[in-house]
């Protein structure tokens, strides 16, 4: 199994940028496809972005496409979510997650990810 820990959240103003990191330990990192999700108060957890084991394929929610970039460094066991042009509606707790299944397409629902970090708060003020 793998253990995940997010960092990099904080309070920023609309239009600012943040870089979230997800550090992994345990099983070989490149065994897992990685995803980022977010959850605002009173809302369901929603998909943000996903990246394949090699990093060669990525997938984004429409709400973040063109503003967020997911990447990974398998040598450093780290997944990154670069968030630019942040909006107040991006405010949420952000989670990284690991998917151990081999799929034809990248997963975009929480139930498809087996391992989760504890989350990091991102707050965007207007």
Protein backbone atom coordinates (compact mmCIF):
# COMPACT_ATOMS: atom_id res chain seq x y z
CA UNK A 1 0.00 0.00 0.00
CA UNK A 2 0.98 3.66 -0.20
CA UNK A 3 0.74 6.54 2.27
CA UNK A 4 -0.04 10.00 0.96
CA UNK A 5 0.42 13.46 2.44
CA UNK A 6 -0.59 16.79 0.91
CA UNK A 7 1.01 20.17 1.51
CA UNK A 8 0.99 23.63 0.02
CA UNK A 9 -2.50 24.84 0.80
CA UNK A 10 -3.23 28.28 2.17
CA UNK A 11 -5.17 31.53 1.92
CA UNK A 12 -4.74 33.49 -1.29
CA UNK A 13 -6.56 36.16 -3.26
CA UNK A 14 -8.45 35.63 -6.48
CA UNK A 15 -6.05 35.49 -9.41
CA UNK A 16 -3.16 34.14 -7.34
CA UNK A 17 -1.43 30.80 -7.71
CA UNK A 18 -0.74 27.89 -5.39
CA UNK A 19 1.28 24.71 -5.80
CA UNK A 20 0.06 21.64 -3.98
CA UNK A 21 2.35 18.68 -3.38
CA UNK A 22 1.49 15.10 -2.58
CA UNK A 23 4.30 13.06 -1.05
CA UNK A 24 4.02 9.30 -1.25
CA UNK A 25 5.71 6.58 0.78
CA UNK A 26 5.40 2.83 0.86
CA UNK A 27 4.88 0.90 -2.32
CA UNK A 28 6.60 2.01 -5.52
CA UNK A 29 5.04 5.31 -6.52
CA UNK A 30 4.82 4.62 -10.23
CA UNK A 31 2.58 1.63 -9.51
CA UNK A 32 -0.27 4.12 -9.06
CA UNK A 33 -2.15 6.54 -11.22
CA UNK A 34 -2.70 9.68 -9.18
CA UNK A 35 -5.63 12.01 -8.83
CA UNK A 36 -6.57 15.23 -7.11
CA UNK A 37 -10.02 15.84 -5.69
CA UNK A 38 -11.56 18.65 -3.69
CA UNK A 39 -14.42 19.01 -1.27
CA UNK A 40 -16.10 22.24 -0.26
CA UNK A 41 -18.25 22.45 2.89
CA UNK A 42 -21.58 20.73 2.37
CA UNK A 43 -20.56 19.50 -1.07
CA UNK A 44 -19.63 16.12 -2.44
CA UNK A 45 -16.02 15.35 -3.16
CA UNK A 46 -15.32 16.26 -6.77
CA UNK A 47 -12.69 15.30 -9.30
CA UNK A 48 -10.06 17.89 -10.22
CA UNK A 49 -7.31 16.15 -12.22
CA UNK A 50 -5.61 12.81 -12.80
CA UNK A 51 -2.30 11.62 -14.19
CA UNK A 52 -1.15 8.26 -15.46
CA UNK A 53 1.65 6.17 -13.97
CA UNK A 54 4.23 7.48 -16.40
CA UNK A 55 2.91 11.02 -16.41
CA UNK A 56 2.24 10.79 -20.11
CA UNK A 57 -1.53 11.17 -19.83
CA UNK A 58 -3.53 13.73 -17.89
CA UNK A 59 -7.21 14.49 -17.46
CA UNK A 60 -8.93 17.56 -16.01
CA UNK A 61 -12.32 18.60 -14.83
CA UNK A 62 -13.81 21.25 -17.09
CA UNK A 63 -13.91 23.71 -14.20
CA UNK A 64 -10.10 23.75 -13.89
CA UNK A 65 -8.98 23.06 -17.44
CA UNK A 66 -6.51 25.67 -18.62
CA UNK A 67 -5.85 26.91 -15.07
CA UNK A 68 -4.57 23.83 -13.21
CA UNK A 69 -1.75 21.50 -14.20
CA UNK A 70 -1.12 18.07 -12.72
CA UNK A 71 2.34 16.53 -12.88
CA UNK A 72 4.42 13.92 -11.11
CA UNK A 73 8.03 13.16 -10.34
CA UNK A 74 8.38 9.41 -9.91
CA UNK A 75 12.00 9.75 -8.80
CA UNK A 76 10.86 11.95 -5.89
CA UNK A 77 7.60 10.07 -5.19
CA UNK A 78 5.66 13.31 -5.58
CA UNK A 79 2.56 14.47 -7.39
CA UNK A 80 2.00 18.17 -7.99
CA UNK A 81 -1.07 20.29 -8.66
CA UNK A 82 -0.15 23.74 -9.95
CA UNK A 83 -3.14 26.03 -9.60
CA UNK A 84 -3.17 29.36 -11.42
CA UNK A 85 -5.79 32.07 -11.79
CA UNK A 86 -7.53 30.89 -8.65
CA UNK A 87 -11.17 31.79 -8.09
CA UNK A 88 -13.23 31.93 -4.89
CA UNK A 89 -15.14 28.86 -6.11
CA UNK A 90 -11.88 26.89 -5.95
CA UNK A 91 -12.05 27.11 -2.16
CA UNK A 92 -12.08 23.58 -0.73
CA UNK A 93 -10.06 20.92 0.98
CA UNK A 94 -7.86 19.32 -1.66
CA UNK A 95 -6.99 15.63 -1.52
CA UNK A 96 -4.55 13.53 -3.48
CA UNK A 97 -5.42 9.92 -4.13
CA UNK A 98 -3.82 6.81 -5.61
CA UNK A 99 -5.47 4.38 -8.00
CA UNK A 100 -3.88 0.93 -8.16
CA UNK A 101 -6.16 -0.51 -10.82
CA UNK A 102 -5.09 -0.77 -14.43
CA UNK A 103 -7.74 1.06 -16.48
CA UNK A 104 -8.22 2.02 -20.08
CA UNK A 105 -8.89 5.62 -19.04
CA UNK A 106 -7.93 7.70 -16.01
CA UNK A 107 -10.38 7.43 -13.15
CA UNK A 108 -12.46 10.46 -12.16
CA UNK A 109 -14.66 9.24 -9.29
CA UNK A 110 -13.63 8.89 -5.64
CA UNK A 111 -14.66 5.24 -5.41
CA UNK A 112 -12.03 4.30 -7.99
CA UNK A 113 -9.18 5.53 -5.78
CA UNK A 114 -8.09 3.27 -2.95
CA UNK A 115 -5.61 5.44 -1.03
CA UNK A 116 -6.11 9.02 0.16
CA UNK A 117 -4.18 11.75 1.87
CA UNK A 118 -5.51 13.80 4.77
CA UNK A 119 -6.20 16.88 2.66
CA UNK A 120 -4.97 20.47 2.60
CA UNK A 121 -7.16 23.56 2.82
CA UNK A 122 -7.20 26.05 -0.04
CA UNK A 123 -9.08 29.30 0.52
CA UNK A 124 -9.42 31.90 -2.20
CA UNK A 125 -10.73 35.31 -1.18
CA UNK A 126 -12.43 37.67 -3.61
